[in-house]
Amino acid sequence: DLQGARGYQAARAGIEWGIYRQRIQSQCGTTTFAFDNTTTLNGFTVTVTCTKLEGPLTADGNADALDRWRIRSVACNIPVAGVCADADGVNAPDYVQRVMEVQL
């Protein structure tokens, strides 16, 4: 339960990082980072992906003028090759993975 809660908080930190990068720094893309031993989330790795979504068409057939973004955060405690793999890719009884996604 504790690792699950820590995974949730790590994924949430990834969402906040993604929102900051997109809204404040006007940057989007994929970022992976690991928490070090100075935090209570030590041992977790987070992969944040920011993607621009195609807007719906307006009534006259033109693209919507408002940009929409999807920010997805995947946090895990046993990364494979430095990133969080698909849950099927890790065979460990203590593996924890949490995924969060928001749209702006």
PDB file of N, CA and C in Angstrom:
ATOM      1  N   ASP A   1       0.814  -1.190   0.000  1.00  0.00           N
ATOM      2  CA  ASP A   1       0.000   0.000   0.000  1.00  0.00           C
ATOM      3  C   ASP A   1       0.863   1.262   0.000  1.00  0.00           C
ATOM      4  N   LEU A   2       1.925   1.226   0.790  1.00  0.00           N
ATOM      5  CA  LEU A   2       2.802   2.395   0.861  1.00  0.00           C
ATOM      6  C   LEU A   2       3.456   2.673  -0.488  1.00  0.00           C
ATOM      7  N   GLN A   3       3.956   1.637  -1.150  1.00  0.00           N
ATOM      8  CA  GLN A   3       4.583   1.827  -2.457  1.00  0.00           C
ATOM      9  C   GLN A   3       3.563   2.327  -3.486  1.00  0.00           C
ATOM     10  N   GLY A   4       2.327   1.845  -3.392  1.00  0.00           N
ATOM     11  CA  GLY A   4       1.282   2.319  -4.290  1.00  0.00           C
ATOM     12  C   GLY A   4       1.008   3.801  -4.102  1.00  0.00           C
ATOM     13  N   ALA A   5       0.973   4.242  -2.842  1.00  0.00           N
ATOM     14  CA  ALA A   5       0.746   5.662  -2.545  1.00  0.00           C
ATOM     15  C   ALA A   5       1.925   6.504  -3.033  1.00  0.00           C
ATOM     16  N   ARG A   6       3.136   5.987  -2.855  1.00  0.00           N
ATOM     17  CA  ARG A   6       4.311   6.715  -3.339  1.00  0.00           C
ATOM     18  C   ARG A   6       4.313   6.791  -4.866  1.00  0.00           C
ATOM     19  N   GLY A   7       3.888   5.712  -5.520  1.00  0.00           N
ATOM     20  CA  GLY A   7       3.791   5.709  -6.975  1.00  0.00           C
ATOM     21  C   GLY A   7       2.783   6.736  -7.466  1.00  0.00           C
ATOM     22  N   TYR A   8       1.655   6.833  -6.766  1.00  0.00           N
ATOM     23  CA  TYR A   8       0.639   7.825  -7.120  1.00  0.00           C
ATOM     24  C   TYR A   8       1.212   9.235  -7.010  1.00  0.00           C
ATOM     25  N   GLN A   9       1.912   9.519  -5.916  1.00  0.00           N
ATOM     26  CA  GLN A   9       2.495  10.858  -5.729  1.00  0.00           C
ATOM     27  C   GLN A   9       3.579  11.152  -6.765  1.00  0.00           C
ATOM     28  N   ALA A  10       4.345  10.138  -7.146  1.00  0.00           N
ATOM     29  CA  ALA A  10       5.361  10.331  -8.181  1.00  0.00           C
ATOM     30  C   ALA A  10       4.697  10.654  -9.521  1.00  0.00           C
ATOM     31  N   ALA A  11       3.624   9.935  -9.852  1.00  0.00           N
ATOM     32  CA  ALA A  11       2.903  10.205 -11.105  1.00  0.00           C
ATOM     33  C   ALA A  11       2.287  11.601 -11.077  1.00  0.00           C
ATOM     34  N   ARG A  12       1.775  11.982  -9.942  1.00  0.00           N
ATOM     35  CA  ARG A  12       1.186  13.323  -9.819  1.00  0.00           C
ATOM     36  C   ARG A  12       2.248  14.404  -9.977  1.00  0.00           C
ATOM     37  N   ALA A  13       3.427  14.182  -9.420  1.00  0.00           N
ATOM     38  CA  ALA A  13       4.532  15.134  -9.599  1.00  0.00           C
ATOM     39  C   ALA A  13       4.890  15.248 -11.079  1.00  0.00           C
ATOM     40  N   GLY A  14       4.826  14.126 -11.801  1.00  0.00           N
ATOM     41  CA  GLY A  14       5.078  14.153 -13.237  1.00  0.00           C
ATOM     42  C   GLY A  14       4.050  14.990 -13.971  1.00  0.00           C
ATOM     43  N   ILE A  15       2.779  14.886 -13.589  1.00  0.00           N
ATOM     44  CA  ILE A  15       1.723  15.700 -14.199  1.00  0.00           C
ATOM     45  C   ILE A  15       2.001  17.175 -13.951  1.00  0.00           C
ATOM     46  N   GLU A  16       2.350  17.530 -12.721  1.00  0.00           N
ATOM     47  CA  GLU A  16       2.632  18.924 -12.400  1.00  0.00           C
ATOM     48  C   GLU A  16       3.836  19.434 -13.198  1.00  0.00           C
ATOM     49  N   TRP A  17       4.852  18.585 -13.361  1.00  0.00           N
ATOM     50  CA  TRP A  17       6.014  18.952 -14.141  1.00  0.00           C
ATOM     51  C   TRP A  17       5.609  19.185 -15.599  1.00  0.00           C
ATOM     52  N   GLY A  18       4.796  18.299 -16.154  1.00  0.00           N
ATOM     53  CA  GLY A  18       4.349  18.429 -17.536  1.00  0.00           C
ATOM     54  C   GLY A  18       3.527  19.680 -17.760  1.00  0.00           C
ATOM     55  N   ILE A  19       2.637  19.995 -16.826  1.00  0.00           N
ATOM     56  CA  ILE A  19       1.834  21.214 -16.941  1.00  0.00           C
ATOM     57  C   ILE A  19       2.733  22.448 -16.886  1.00  0.00           C
ATOM     58  N   TYR A  20       3.694  22.443 -15.988  1.00  0.00           N
ATOM     59  CA  TYR A  20       4.632  23.567 -15.885  1.00  0.00           C
ATOM     60  C   TYR A  20       5.391  23.745 -17.196  1.00  0.00           C
ATOM     61  N   ARG A  21       5.916  22.637 -17.738  1.00  0.00           N
ATOM     62  CA  ARG A  21       6.691  22.727 -18.975  1.00  0.00           C
ATOM     63  C   ARG A  21       5.842  23.247 -20.135  1.00  0.00           C
ATOM     64  N   GLN A  22       4.604  22.782 -20.219  1.00  0.00           N
ATOM     65  CA  GLN A  22       3.773  23.180 -21.347  1.00  0.00           C
ATOM     66  C   GLN A  22       3.232  24.591 -21.182  1.00  0.00           C
ATOM     67  N   ARG A  23       2.733  24.917 -20.004  1.00  0.00           N
ATOM     68  CA  ARG A  23       2.072  26.215 -19.804  1.00  0.00           C
ATOM     69  C   ARG A  23       3.051  27.359 -19.563  1.00  0.00           C
ATOM     70  N   ILE A  24       4.078  27.145 -18.768  1.00  0.00           N
ATOM     71  CA  ILE A  24       4.996  28.216 -18.394  1.00  0.00           C
ATOM     72  C   ILE A  24       6.173  28.313 -19.361  1.00  0.00           C
ATOM     73  N   GLN A  25       6.777  27.185 -19.705  1.00  0.00           N
ATOM     74  CA  GLN A  25       7.946  27.195 -20.566  1.00  0.00           C
ATOM     75  C   GLN A  25       7.608  26.997 -22.046  1.00  0.00           C
ATOM     76  N   SER A  26       6.349  26.727 -22.363  1.00  0.00           N
ATOM     77  CA  SER A  26       5.899  26.493 -23.743  1.00  0.00           C
ATOM     78  C   SER A  26       6.711  25.407 -24.435  1.00  0.00           C
ATOM     79  N   GLN A  27       7.045  24.361 -23.675  1.00  0.00           N
ATOM     80  CA  GLN A  27       7.773  23.222 -24.218  1.00  0.00           C
ATOM     81  C   GLN A  27       6.929  21.973 -24.036  1.00  0.00           C
ATOM     82  N   CYS A  28       7.027  21.087 -24.991  1.00  0.00           N
ATOM     83  CA  CYS A  28       6.284  19.850 -24.909  1.00  0.00           C
ATOM     84  C   CYS A  28       7.180  18.743 -25.449  1.00  0.00           C
ATOM     85  N   GLY A  29       6.910  17.525 -25.065  1.00  0.00           N
ATOM     86  CA  GLY A  29       7.716  16.395 -25.504  1.00  0.00           C
ATOM     87  C   GLY A  29       7.719  15.323 -24.429  1.00  0.00           C
ATOM     88  N   THR A  30       8.756  14.532 -24.418  1.00  0.00           N
ATOM     89  CA  THR A  30       8.876  13.442 -23.447  1.00  0.00           C
ATOM     90  C   THR A  30      10.077  13.693 -22.554  1.00  0.00           C
ATOM     91  N   THR A  31       9.875  13.535 -21.254  1.00  0.00           N
ATOM     92  CA  THR A  31      10.922  13.710 -20.261  1.00  0.00           C
ATOM     93  C   THR A  31      10.869  12.545 -19.286  1.00  0.00           C
ATOM     94  N   THR A  32      12.017  12.012 -18.931  1.00  0.00           N
ATOM     95  CA  THR A  32      12.100  10.963 -17.916  1.00  0.00           C
ATOM     96  C   THR A  32      13.038  11.446 -16.825  1.00  0.00           C
ATOM     97  N   PHE A  33      12.609  11.282 -15.580  1.00  0.00           N
ATOM     98  CA  PHE A  33      13.471  11.654 -14.463  1.00  0.00           C
ATOM     99  C   PHE A  33      13.264  10.678 -13.314  1.00  0.00           C
ATOM    100  N   ALA A  34      14.265  10.589 -12.471  1.00  0.00           N
ATOM    101  CA  ALA A  34      14.215   9.706 -11.298  1.00  0.00           C
ATOM    102  C   ALA A  34      14.379  10.561 -10.048  1.00  0.00           C
ATOM    103  N   PHE A  35      13.656  10.174  -9.017  1.00  0.00           N
ATOM    104  CA  PHE A  35      13.785  10.857  -7.734  1.00  0.00           C
ATOM    105  C   PHE A  35      15.011  10.315  -7.014  1.00  0.00           C
ATOM    106  N   ASP A  36      15.769  11.208  -6.407  1.00  0.00           N
ATOM    107  CA  ASP A  36      16.968  10.771  -5.697  1.00  0.00           C
ATOM    108  C   ASP A  36      16.672  10.535  -4.216  1.00  0.00           C
ATOM    109  N   ASN A  37      17.722  10.228  -3.475  1.00  0.00           N
ATOM    110  CA  ASN A  37      17.539   9.865  -2.060  1.00  0.00           C
ATOM    111  C   ASN A  37      17.271  11.054  -1.142  1.00  0.00           C
ATOM    112  N   THR A  38      17.098  12.248  -1.702  1.00  0.00           N
ATOM    113  CA  THR A  38      16.755  13.399  -0.865  1.00  0.00           C
ATOM    114  C   THR A  38      15.241  13.564  -0.726  1.00  0.00           C
ATOM    115  N   THR A  39      14.467  12.697  -1.372  1.00  0.00           N
ATOM    116  CA  THR A  39      13.011  12.788  -1.313  1.00  0.00           C
ATOM    117  C   THR A  39      12.415  11.489  -0.799  1.00  0.00           C
ATOM    118  N   THR A  40      11.169  11.543  -0.382  1.00  0.00           N
ATOM    119  CA  THR A  40      10.487  10.323   0.058  1.00  0.00           C
ATOM    120  C   THR A  40      10.049   9.474  -1.133  1.00  0.00           C
ATOM    121  N   LEU A  41      10.204   9.998  -2.351  1.00  0.00           N
ATOM    122  CA  LEU A  41       9.860   9.242  -3.558  1.00  0.00           C
ATOM    123  C   LEU A  41      11.095   8.585  -4.172  1.00  0.00           C
ATOM    124  N   ASN A  42      12.157   8.475  -3.381  1.00  0.00           N
ATOM    125  CA  ASN A  42      13.396   7.841  -3.813  1.00  0.00           C
ATOM    126  C   ASN A  42      13.097   6.453  -4.388  1.00  0.00           C
ATOM    127  N   GLY A  43      13.695   6.162  -5.534  1.00  0.00           N
ATOM    128  CA  GLY A  43      13.510   4.854  -6.155  1.00  0.00           C
ATOM    129  C   GLY A  43      12.468   4.842  -7.264  1.00  0.00           C
ATOM    130  N   PHE A  44      11.713   5.915  -7.404  1.00  0.00           N
ATOM    131  CA  PHE A  44      10.707   5.970  -8.453  1.00  0.00           C
ATOM    132  C   PHE A  44      11.233   6.748  -9.650  1.00  0.00           C
ATOM    133  N   THR A  45      10.877   6.269 -10.819  1.00  0.00           N
ATOM    134  CA  THR A  45      11.199   6.919 -12.077  1.00  0.00           C
ATOM    135  C   THR A  45       9.893   7.341 -12.722  1.00  0.00           C
ATOM    136  N   VAL A  46       9.889   8.509 -13.359  1.00  0.00           N
ATOM    137  CA  VAL A  46       8.679   9.036 -13.974  1.00  0.00           C
ATOM    138  C   VAL A  46       8.982   9.392 -15.430  1.00  0.00           C
ATOM    139  N   THR A  47       8.092   8.973 -16.316  1.00  0.00           N
ATOM    140  CA  THR A  47       8.165   9.352 -17.722  1.00  0.00           C
ATOM    141  C   THR A  47       6.941  10.201 -18.028  1.00  0.00           C
ATOM    142  N   VAL A  48       7.184  11.438 -18.465  1.00  0.00           N
ATOM    143  CA  VAL A  48       6.114  12.382 -18.763  1.00  0.00           C
ATOM    144  C   VAL A  48       6.099  12.627 -20.269  1.00  0.00           C
ATOM    145  N   THR A  49       4.920  12.444 -20.870  1.00  0.00           N
ATOM    146  CA  THR A  49       4.753  12.656 -22.302  1.00  0.00           C
ATOM    147  C   THR A  49       3.704  13.733 -22.531  1.00  0.00           C
ATOM    148  N   CYS A  50       4.061  14.722 -23.309  1.00  0.00           N
ATOM    149  CA  CYS A  50       3.149  15.818 -23.639  1.00  0.00           C
ATOM    150  C   CYS A  50       2.897  15.781 -25.146  1.00  0.00           C
ATOM    151  N   THR A  51       1.621  15.728 -25.515  1.00  0.00           N
ATOM    152  CA  THR A  51       1.249  15.602 -26.915  1.00  0.00           C
ATOM    153  C   THR A  51       0.193  16.636 -27.268  1.00  0.00           C
ATOM    154  N   LYS A  52       0.365  17.290 -28.407  1.00  0.00           N
ATOM    155  CA  LYS A  52      -0.651  18.220 -28.889  1.00  0.00           C
ATOM    156  C   LYS A  52      -1.751  17.413 -29.567  1.00  0.00           C
ATOM    157  N   LEU A  53      -2.995  17.700 -29.202  1.00  0.00           N
ATOM    158  CA  LEU A  53      -4.139  16.999 -29.768  1.00  0.00           C
ATOM    159  C   LEU A  53      -4.736  17.803 -30.898  1.00  0.00           C
ATOM    160  N   GLU A  54      -5.195  17.110 -31.893  1.00  0.00           N
ATOM    161  CA  GLU A  54      -5.892  17.776 -32.976  1.00  0.00           C
ATOM    162  C   GLU A  54      -7.262  18.191 -32.482  1.00  0.00           C
ATOM    163  N   GLY A  55      -7.595  19.444 -32.654  1.00  0.00           N
ATOM    164  CA  GLY A  55      -8.880  19.953 -32.202  1.00  0.00           C
ATOM    165  C   GLY A  55     -10.015  19.478 -33.092  1.00  0.00           C
ATOM    166  N   PRO A  56     -11.209  19.528 -32.600  1.00  0.00           N
ATOM    167  CA  PRO A  56     -12.357  19.147 -33.423  1.00  0.00           C
ATOM    168  C   PRO A  56     -12.596  20.198 -34.504  1.00  0.00           C
ATOM    169  N   LEU A  57     -13.265  19.787 -35.546  1.00  0.00           N
ATOM    170  CA  LEU A  57     -13.588  20.733 -36.611  1.00  0.00           C
ATOM    171  C   LEU A  57     -14.772  21.595 -36.204  1.00  0.00           C
ATOM    172  N   THR A  58     -14.743  22.837 -36.630  1.00  0.00           N
ATOM    173  CA  THR A  58     -15.862  23.736 -36.367  1.00  0.00           C
ATOM    174  C   THR A  58     -16.975  23.439 -37.376  1.00  0.00           C
ATOM    175  N   ALA A  59     -18.096  24.101 -37.232  1.00  0.00           N
ATOM    176  CA  ALA A  59     -19.252  23.860 -38.100  1.00  0.00           C
ATOM    177  C   ALA A  59     -18.930  24.117 -39.567  1.00  0.00           C
ATOM    178  N   ASP A  60     -17.997  25.039 -39.848  1.00  0.00           N
ATOM    179  CA  ASP A  60     -17.656  25.330 -41.244  1.00  0.00           C
ATOM    180  C   ASP A  60     -16.526  24.450 -41.778  1.00  0.00           C
ATOM    181  N   GLY A  61     -16.093  23.455 -40.989  1.00  0.00           N
ATOM    182  CA  GLY A  61     -15.084  22.500 -41.454  1.00  0.00           C
ATOM    183  C   GLY A  61     -13.654  22.884 -41.182  1.00  0.00           C
ATOM    184  N   ASN A  62     -13.419  24.009 -40.517  1.00  0.00           N
ATOM    185  CA  ASN A  62     -12.063  24.430 -40.177  1.00  0.00           C
ATOM    186  C   ASN A  62     -11.648  23.836 -38.837  1.00  0.00           C
ATOM    187  N   ALA A  63     -10.355  23.739 -38.650  1.00  0.00           N
ATOM    188  CA  ALA A  63      -9.844  23.226 -37.377  1.00  0.00           C
ATOM    189  C   ALA A  63     -10.141  24.222 -36.262  1.00  0.00           C
ATOM    190  N   ASP A  64     -10.395  23.701 -35.076  1.00  0.00           N
ATOM    191  CA  ASP A  64     -10.649  24.545 -33.911  1.00  0.00           C
ATOM    192  C   ASP A  64      -9.391  25.357 -33.609  1.00  0.00           C
ATOM    193  N   ALA A  65      -9.544  26.620 -33.274  1.00  0.00           N
ATOM    194  CA  ALA A  65      -8.404  27.511 -33.029  1.00  0.00           C
ATOM    195  C   ALA A  65      -7.740  27.268 -31.673  1.00  0.00           C
ATOM    196  N   LEU A  66      -8.400  26.566 -30.782  1.00  0.00           N
ATOM    197  CA  LEU A  66      -7.839  26.340 -29.449  1.00  0.00           C
ATOM    198  C   LEU A  66      -6.937  25.114 -29.451  1.00  0.00           C
ATOM    199  N   ASP A  67      -5.735  25.278 -28.950  1.00  0.00           N
ATOM    200  CA  ASP A  67      -4.819  24.152 -28.822  1.00  0.00           C
ATOM    201  C   ASP A  67      -5.220  23.313 -27.623  1.00  0.00           C
ATOM    202  N   ARG A  68      -5.132  22.015 -27.774  1.00  0.00           N
ATOM    203  CA  ARG A  68      -5.387  21.089 -26.665  1.00  0.00           C
ATOM    204  C   ARG A  68      -4.152  20.216 -26.499  1.00  0.00           C
ATOM    205  N   TRP A  69      -3.879  19.869 -25.247  1.00  0.00           N
ATOM    206  CA  TRP A  69      -2.683  19.088 -24.931  1.00  0.00           C
ATOM    207  C   TRP A  69      -3.058  17.922 -24.021  1.00  0.00           C
ATOM    208  N   ARG A  70      -2.386  16.793 -24.226  1.00  0.00           N
ATOM    209  CA  ARG A  70      -2.532  15.642 -23.330  1.00  0.00           C
ATOM    210  C   ARG A  70      -1.188  15.442 -22.637  1.00  0.00           C
ATOM    211  N   ILE A  71      -1.231  15.408 -21.323  1.00  0.00           N
ATOM    212  CA  ILE A  71      -0.023  15.145 -20.544  1.00  0.00           C
ATOM    213  C   ILE A  71      -0.239  13.831 -19.814  1.00  0.00           C
ATOM    214  N   ARG A  72       0.667  12.871 -20.056  1.00  0.00           N
ATOM    215  CA  ARG A  72       0.569  11.535 -19.467  1.00  0.00           C
ATOM    216  C   ARG A  72       1.813  11.295 -18.638  1.00  0.00           C
ATOM    217  N   SER A  73       1.613  10.834 -17.412  1.00  0.00           N
ATOM    218  CA  SER A  73       2.705  10.569 -16.498  1.00  0.00           C
ATOM    219  C   SER A  73       2.651   9.113 -16.060  1.00  0.00           C
ATOM    220  N   VAL A  74       3.768   8.406 -16.230  1.00  0.00           N
ATOM    221  CA  VAL A  74       3.872   7.006 -15.817  1.00  0.00           C
ATOM    222  C   VAL A  74       4.999   6.918 -14.799  1.00  0.00           C
ATOM    223  N   ALA A  75       4.663   6.480 -13.592  1.00  0.00           N
ATOM    224  CA  ALA A  75       5.662   6.346 -12.530  1.00  0.00           C
ATOM    225  C   ALA A  75       5.803   4.876 -12.166  1.00  0.00           C
ATOM    226  N   CYS A  76       7.037   4.435 -11.917  1.00  0.00           N
ATOM    227  CA  CYS A  76       7.264   3.048 -11.499  1.00  0.00           C
ATOM    228  C   CYS A  76       8.491   2.973 -10.598  1.00  0.00           C
ATOM    229  N   ASN A  77       8.579   1.864  -9.894  1.00  0.00           N
ATOM    230  CA  ASN A  77       9.715   1.702  -8.989  1.00  0.00           C
ATOM    231  C   ASN A  77      10.785   0.756  -9.535  1.00  0.00           C
ATOM    232  N   ILE A  78      10.531   0.093 -10.664  1.00  0.00           N
ATOM    233  CA  ILE A  78      11.537  -0.773 -11.281  1.00  0.00           C
ATOM    234  C   ILE A  78      11.584  -0.447 -12.779  1.00  0.00           C
ATOM    235  N   PRO A  79      12.316   0.608 -13.160  1.00  0.00           N
ATOM    236  CA  PRO A  79      12.370   0.969 -14.575  1.00  0.00           C
ATOM    237  C   PRO A  79      13.184  -0.043 -15.379  1.00  0.00           C
ATOM    238  N   VAL A  80      12.847  -0.180 -16.638  1.00  0.00           N
ATOM    239  CA  VAL A  80      13.578  -1.049 -17.556  1.00  0.00           C
ATOM    240  C   VAL A  80      14.316  -0.140 -18.539  1.00  0.00           C
ATOM    241  N   ALA A  81      15.614  -0.254 -18.570  1.00  0.00           N
ATOM    242  CA  ALA A  81      16.452   0.596 -19.425  1.00  0.00           C
ATOM    243  C   ALA A  81      16.205   2.077 -19.137  1.00  0.00           C
ATOM    244  N   GLY A  82      15.937   2.425 -17.890  1.00  0.00           N
ATOM    245  CA  GLY A  82      15.801   3.811 -17.482  1.00  0.00           C
ATOM    246  C   GLY A  82      14.425   4.411 -17.626  1.00  0.00           C
ATOM    247  N   VAL A  83      13.452   3.671 -18.183  1.00  0.00           N
ATOM    248  CA  VAL A  83      12.094   4.175 -18.328  1.00  0.00           C
ATOM    249  C   VAL A  83      11.105   3.141 -17.801  1.00  0.00           C
ATOM    250  N   CYS A  84       9.906   3.612 -17.508  1.00  0.00           N
ATOM    251  CA  CYS A  84       8.862   2.717 -17.021  1.00  0.00           C
ATOM    252  C   CYS A  84       8.308   1.913 -18.184  1.00  0.00           C
ATOM    253  N   ALA A  85       8.456   0.599 -18.090  1.00  0.00           N
ATOM    254  CA  ALA A  85       7.992  -0.290 -19.149  1.00  0.00           C
ATOM    255  C   ALA A  85       6.518  -0.595 -18.966  1.00  0.00           C
ATOM    256  N   ASP A  86       5.958  -1.249 -19.956  1.00  0.00           N
ATOM    257  CA  ASP A  86       4.603  -1.762 -19.839  1.00  0.00           C
ATOM    258  C   ASP A  86       4.591  -2.732 -18.658  1.00  0.00           C
ATOM    259  N   ALA A  87       3.497  -2.764 -17.929  1.00  0.00           N
ATOM    260  CA  ALA A  87       3.409  -3.616 -16.739  1.00  0.00           C
ATOM    261  C   ALA A  87       3.711  -5.077 -17.062  1.00  0.00           C
ATOM    262  N   ASP A  88       3.426  -5.522 -18.284  1.00  0.00           N
ATOM    263  CA  ASP A  88       3.713  -6.903 -18.673  1.00  0.00           C
ATOM    264  C   ASP A  88       5.209  -7.137 -18.872  1.00  0.00           C
ATOM    265  N   GLY A  89       5.982  -6.075 -19.016  1.00  0.00           N
ATOM    266  CA  GLY A  89       7.407  -6.202 -19.271  1.00  0.00           C
ATOM    267  C   GLY A  89       8.251  -6.394 -18.026  1.00  0.00           C
ATOM    268  N   VAL A  90       7.647  -6.355 -16.854  1.00  0.00           N
ATOM    269  CA  VAL A  90       8.396  -6.503 -15.600  1.00  0.00           C
ATOM    270  C   VAL A  90       7.814  -7.679 -14.832  1.00  0.00           C
ATOM    271  N   ASN A  91       8.685  -8.598 -14.474  1.00  0.00           N
ATOM    272  CA  ASN A  91       8.252  -9.780 -13.727  1.00  0.00           C
ATOM    273  C   ASN A  91       8.827  -9.702 -12.316  1.00  0.00           C
ATOM    274  N   ALA A  92       8.201  -8.898 -11.471  1.00  0.00           N
ATOM    275  CA  ALA A  92       8.662  -8.720 -10.096  1.00  0.00           C
ATOM    276  C   ALA A  92       7.442  -8.563  -9.192  1.00  0.00           C
ATOM    277  N   PRO A  93       7.412  -9.258  -8.076  1.00  0.00           N
ATOM    278  CA  PRO A  93       6.226  -9.190  -7.207  1.00  0.00           C
ATOM    279  C   PRO A  93       6.031  -7.839  -6.531  1.00  0.00           C
ATOM    280  N   ASP A  94       7.087  -7.031  -6.418  1.00  0.00           N
ATOM    281  CA  ASP A  94       6.955  -5.735  -5.751  1.00  0.00           C
ATOM    282  C   ASP A  94       6.934  -4.572  -6.737  1.00  0.00           C
ATOM    283  N   TYR A  95       6.644  -4.859  -8.017  1.00  0.00           N
ATOM    284  CA  TYR A  95       6.582  -3.810  -9.032  1.00  0.00           C
ATOM    285  C   TYR A  95       5.340  -2.965  -8.828  1.00  0.00           C
ATOM    286  N   VAL A  96       5.531  -1.634  -8.856  1.00  0.00           N
ATOM    287  CA  VAL A  96       4.426  -0.683  -8.723  1.00  0.00           C
ATOM    288  C   VAL A  96       4.488   0.268  -9.910  1.00  0.00           C
ATOM    289  N   GLN A  97       3.345   0.472 -10.536  1.00  0.00           N
ATOM    290  CA  GLN A  97       3.254   1.430 -11.636  1.00  0.00           C
ATOM    291  C   GLN A  97       1.954   2.198 -11.493  1.00  0.00           C
ATOM    292  N   ARG A  98       2.027   3.508 -11.628  1.00  0.00           N
ATOM    293  CA  ARG A  98       0.839   4.359 -11.590  1.00  0.00           C
ATOM    294  C   ARG A  98       0.869   5.260 -12.816  1.00  0.00           C
ATOM    295  N   VAL A  99      -0.302   5.424 -13.437  1.00  0.00           N
ATOM    296  CA  VAL A  99      -0.428   6.238 -14.637  1.00  0.00           C
ATOM    297  C   VAL A  99      -1.486   7.295 -14.401  1.00  0.00           C
ATOM    298  N   MET A 100      -1.170   8.527 -14.754  1.00  0.00           N
ATOM    299  CA  MET A 100      -2.116   9.629 -14.684  1.00  0.00           C
ATOM    300  C   MET A 100      -2.086  10.355 -16.013  1.00  0.00           C
ATOM    301  N   GLU A 101      -3.235  10.920 -16.381  1.00  0.00           N
ATOM    302  CA  GLU A 101      -3.329  11.648 -17.634  1.00  0.00           C
ATOM    303  C   GLU A 101      -4.277  12.814 -17.480  1.00  0.00           C
ATOM    304  N   VAL A 102      -3.893  13.953 -18.026  1.00  0.00           N
ATOM    305  CA  VAL A 102      -4.755  15.138 -18.027  1.00  0.00           C
ATOM    306  C   VAL A 102      -4.779  15.723 -19.427  1.00  0.00           C
ATOM    307  N   GLN A 103      -5.842  16.468 -19.698  1.00  0.00           N
ATOM    308  CA  GLN A 103      -5.927  17.201 -20.956  1.00  0.00           C
ATOM    309  C   GLN A 103      -6.164  18.672 -20.643  1.00  0.00           C
ATOM    310  N   LEU A 104      -5.445  19.521 -21.339  1.00  0.00           N
ATOM    311  CA  LEU A 104      -5.570  20.963 -21.172  1.00  0.00           C
ATOM    312  C   LEU A 104      -6.142  21.560 -22.431  1.00  0.00           C
TER     313      LEU A 104
END
